[in-house]
N, C-alpha and C. Protein backbone atom coordinates (compact mmCIF):
# COMPACT_ATOMS: atom_id res chain seq x y z
N MET A 1 27.89 -6.85 -5.23
CA MET A 1 26.48 -6.21 -5.01
C MET A 1 25.55 -6.98 -4.37
N THR A 2 24.94 -6.30 -3.38
CA THR A 2 23.76 -7.07 -2.74
C THR A 2 22.53 -6.83 -3.49
N GLY A 3 22.00 -8.01 -3.43
CA GLY A 3 20.46 -8.04 -4.05
C GLY A 3 19.47 -7.58 -2.97
N ILE A 4 18.14 -7.49 -3.52
CA ILE A 4 16.94 -7.30 -2.72
C ILE A 4 16.58 -8.48 -2.03
N ASN A 5 16.66 -8.49 -0.71
CA ASN A 5 16.10 -9.74 0.04
C ASN A 5 14.49 -9.41 0.37
N ALA A 6 14.06 -10.57 1.00
CA ALA A 6 12.55 -10.55 1.29
C ALA A 6 12.30 -9.40 2.33
N ARG A 7 13.08 -9.15 3.35
CA ARG A 7 13.00 -8.14 4.19
C ARG A 7 12.91 -6.70 3.62
N SER A 8 13.83 -6.62 2.79
CA SER A 8 13.93 -5.22 2.08
C SER A 8 12.62 -4.95 1.12
N ALA A 9 12.25 -5.99 0.48
CA ALA A 9 11.12 -5.94 -0.47
C ALA A 9 9.94 -5.55 0.53
N ASN A 10 9.70 -6.18 1.54
CA ASN A 10 8.59 -5.89 2.40
C ASN A 10 8.60 -4.53 2.96
N LYS A 11 9.78 -3.92 3.38
CA LYS A 11 10.00 -2.74 3.76
C LYS A 11 9.38 -1.56 2.66
N LEU A 12 10.10 -2.05 1.47
CA LEU A 12 9.65 -1.33 0.31
C LEU A 12 8.29 -1.09 0.12
N SER A 13 7.56 -2.37 0.11
CA SER A 13 6.10 -2.37 -0.02
C SER A 13 5.36 -1.54 1.11
N ILE A 14 5.72 -1.56 2.33
CA ILE A 14 5.16 -0.82 3.33
C ILE A 14 5.23 0.58 3.13
N VAL A 15 6.53 1.24 2.75
CA VAL A 15 6.85 2.48 2.37
C VAL A 15 5.90 3.05 1.13
N SER A 16 5.76 2.04 0.16
CA SER A 16 5.02 2.36 -1.02
C SER A 16 3.58 2.68 -0.69
N THR A 17 3.07 1.92 0.05
CA THR A 17 1.57 1.88 0.63
C THR A 17 1.36 3.07 1.36
N LEU A 18 2.29 3.55 2.27
CA LEU A 18 2.02 4.71 3.03
C LEU A 18 2.18 5.96 2.16
N ILE A 19 2.95 6.02 1.15
CA ILE A 19 2.97 6.84 0.11
C ILE A 19 1.50 7.05 -0.66
N ASP A 20 1.06 5.86 -1.02
CA ASP A 20 -0.30 5.76 -1.65
C ASP A 20 -1.34 6.30 -0.85
N SER A 21 -1.20 5.94 0.61
CA SER A 21 -2.17 6.47 1.61
C SER A 21 -2.25 7.86 1.60
N ALA A 22 -0.92 8.47 1.86
CA ALA A 22 -0.89 9.87 1.75
C ALA A 22 -1.57 10.79 0.45
N LEU A 23 -1.28 10.17 -0.55
CA LEU A 23 -1.72 10.75 -1.71
C LEU A 23 -3.23 10.61 -1.83
N ALA A 24 -3.88 9.47 -1.15
CA ALA A 24 -5.11 9.26 -1.26
C ALA A 24 -5.87 10.50 -0.32
N PHE A 25 -5.21 10.59 0.68
CA PHE A 25 -5.68 11.69 1.94
C PHE A 25 -5.62 13.06 1.18
N ARG A 26 -4.50 13.30 0.35
CA ARG A 26 -4.50 14.63 -0.20
C ARG A 26 -5.32 14.82 -1.41
N ARG A 27 -5.75 13.74 -2.10
CA ARG A 27 -6.78 14.01 -3.06
C ARG A 27 -8.29 13.83 -2.62
N GLY A 28 -8.22 13.83 -1.35
CA GLY A 28 -9.67 13.84 -0.68
C GLY A 28 -10.33 12.40 -0.73
N ARG A 29 -9.65 11.48 -0.71
CA ARG A 29 -10.10 10.13 -0.90
C ARG A 29 -9.90 9.46 0.60
N THR A 30 -10.81 10.01 1.68
CA THR A 30 -10.33 9.43 3.15
C THR A 30 -10.67 7.96 3.30
N LYS A 31 -11.71 7.40 2.69
CA LYS A 31 -11.73 5.95 2.81
C LYS A 31 -10.72 5.09 2.34
N SER A 32 -10.12 5.49 1.11
CA SER A 32 -9.04 4.78 0.59
C SER A 32 -7.91 5.01 1.34
N GLY A 33 -7.66 6.39 1.74
CA GLY A 33 -6.40 6.49 2.58
C GLY A 33 -6.45 5.73 3.91
N LEU A 34 -7.66 5.65 4.55
CA LEU A 34 -7.63 4.80 5.81
C LEU A 34 -7.54 3.37 5.47
N LEU A 35 -7.90 2.86 4.33
CA LEU A 35 -7.78 1.46 3.90
C LEU A 35 -6.38 1.14 3.75
N LEU A 36 -5.74 1.90 2.98
CA LEU A 36 -4.28 1.92 2.61
C LEU A 36 -3.35 1.90 3.82
N LEU A 37 -3.68 2.87 4.83
CA LEU A 37 -2.95 2.97 6.10
C LEU A 37 -3.11 1.76 6.87
N GLY A 38 -4.29 1.16 7.03
CA GLY A 38 -4.49 -0.11 7.69
C GLY A 38 -3.83 -1.22 6.98
N ALA A 39 -3.71 -1.14 5.61
CA ALA A 39 -3.00 -2.34 5.03
C ALA A 39 -1.65 -2.03 5.22
N ALA A 40 -1.04 -0.86 5.34
CA ALA A 40 0.44 -0.76 5.58
C ALA A 40 0.70 -1.14 6.94
N ALA A 41 -0.12 -1.02 7.85
CA ALA A 41 0.13 -1.45 9.37
C ALA A 41 0.14 -2.95 9.36
N LEU A 42 -0.70 -3.66 8.61
CA LEU A 42 -0.83 -5.20 8.48
C LEU A 42 0.32 -5.72 7.66
N SER A 43 0.90 -4.95 6.75
CA SER A 43 1.95 -5.40 5.98
C SER A 43 3.37 -6.00 6.79
N SER A 44 3.32 -5.59 8.02
CA SER A 44 4.41 -6.33 8.81
C SER A 44 4.06 -7.69 9.08
N ARG A 45 2.98 -8.10 9.28
CA ARG A 45 2.33 -9.29 9.53
C ARG A 45 2.07 -10.16 8.43
N VAL A 46 1.42 -9.55 7.32
CA VAL A 46 0.86 -10.14 6.24
C VAL A 46 1.75 -9.62 4.98
N PRO A 47 2.93 -10.01 4.52
CA PRO A 47 3.58 -9.48 3.33
C PRO A 47 2.80 -9.24 2.26
N GLY A 48 2.82 -8.27 1.51
CA GLY A 48 2.13 -8.18 0.18
C GLY A 48 0.73 -7.51 0.23
N ILE A 49 0.10 -7.50 1.57
CA ILE A 49 -1.41 -7.03 1.58
C ILE A 49 -1.44 -5.61 1.20
N GLY A 50 -0.60 -4.73 1.47
CA GLY A 50 -0.49 -3.43 1.02
C GLY A 50 -0.49 -3.26 -0.61
N THR A 51 0.34 -3.96 -1.20
CA THR A 51 0.34 -3.95 -2.65
C THR A 51 -0.97 -4.54 -3.12
N ILE A 52 -1.41 -5.47 -2.47
CA ILE A 52 -2.79 -5.93 -3.19
C ILE A 52 -3.82 -5.14 -2.84
N THR A 53 -3.85 -4.34 -1.78
CA THR A 53 -4.89 -3.30 -1.50
C THR A 53 -4.76 -2.08 -2.40
N SER A 54 -3.68 -1.83 -2.79
CA SER A 54 -3.27 -0.64 -3.52
C SER A 54 -3.85 -0.93 -4.99
N LEU A 55 -3.41 -2.17 -5.38
CA LEU A 55 -3.87 -2.71 -6.77
C LEU A 55 -5.49 -2.78 -6.87
N PHE A 56 -6.18 -3.38 -5.79
CA PHE A 56 -7.42 -3.48 -5.79
C PHE A 56 -8.17 -2.16 -5.85
N LEU A 57 -7.66 -0.97 -5.14
CA LEU A 57 -8.38 0.36 -5.18
C LEU A 57 -8.24 0.77 -6.55
N ARG A 58 -6.85 0.75 -7.20
CA ARG A 58 -6.75 1.29 -8.47
C ARG A 58 -7.85 0.46 -9.59
N LEU A 59 -7.83 -0.75 -9.41
CA LEU A 59 -8.83 -1.41 -10.33
C LEU A 59 -10.33 -1.04 -10.21
N ALA A 60 -10.76 -0.93 -8.71
CA ALA A 60 -11.91 -0.48 -8.49
C ALA A 60 -12.22 1.02 -9.02
N ARG A 61 -11.26 1.83 -8.97
CA ARG A 61 -11.58 3.20 -9.46
C ARG A 61 -11.86 3.20 -11.26
N ARG A 62 -11.04 2.32 -11.84
CA ARG A 62 -11.09 2.25 -13.14
C ARG A 62 -12.25 1.60 -13.68
N LEU A 63 -12.93 0.63 -12.80
CA LEU A 63 -14.01 -0.02 -13.33
C LEU A 63 -15.42 0.83 -13.01
N ARG A 64 -15.23 1.83 -12.32
CA ARG A 64 -16.36 2.84 -11.92
C ARG A 64 -16.83 3.54 -13.08
């Protein structure tokens, strides 16, 4: 059985961030959607930036 390597985890993180971005646009949160879309694009260069951005946005929404 093959485990998940770093490359697969990074691709999964990018896809997850893209899905979060699409959901943000659908809910009318244009700024969050654009921020997540940018983070997904940067994730290929900086692994984990998309996940960190997504967590930050969720935390910011909770604290409002």
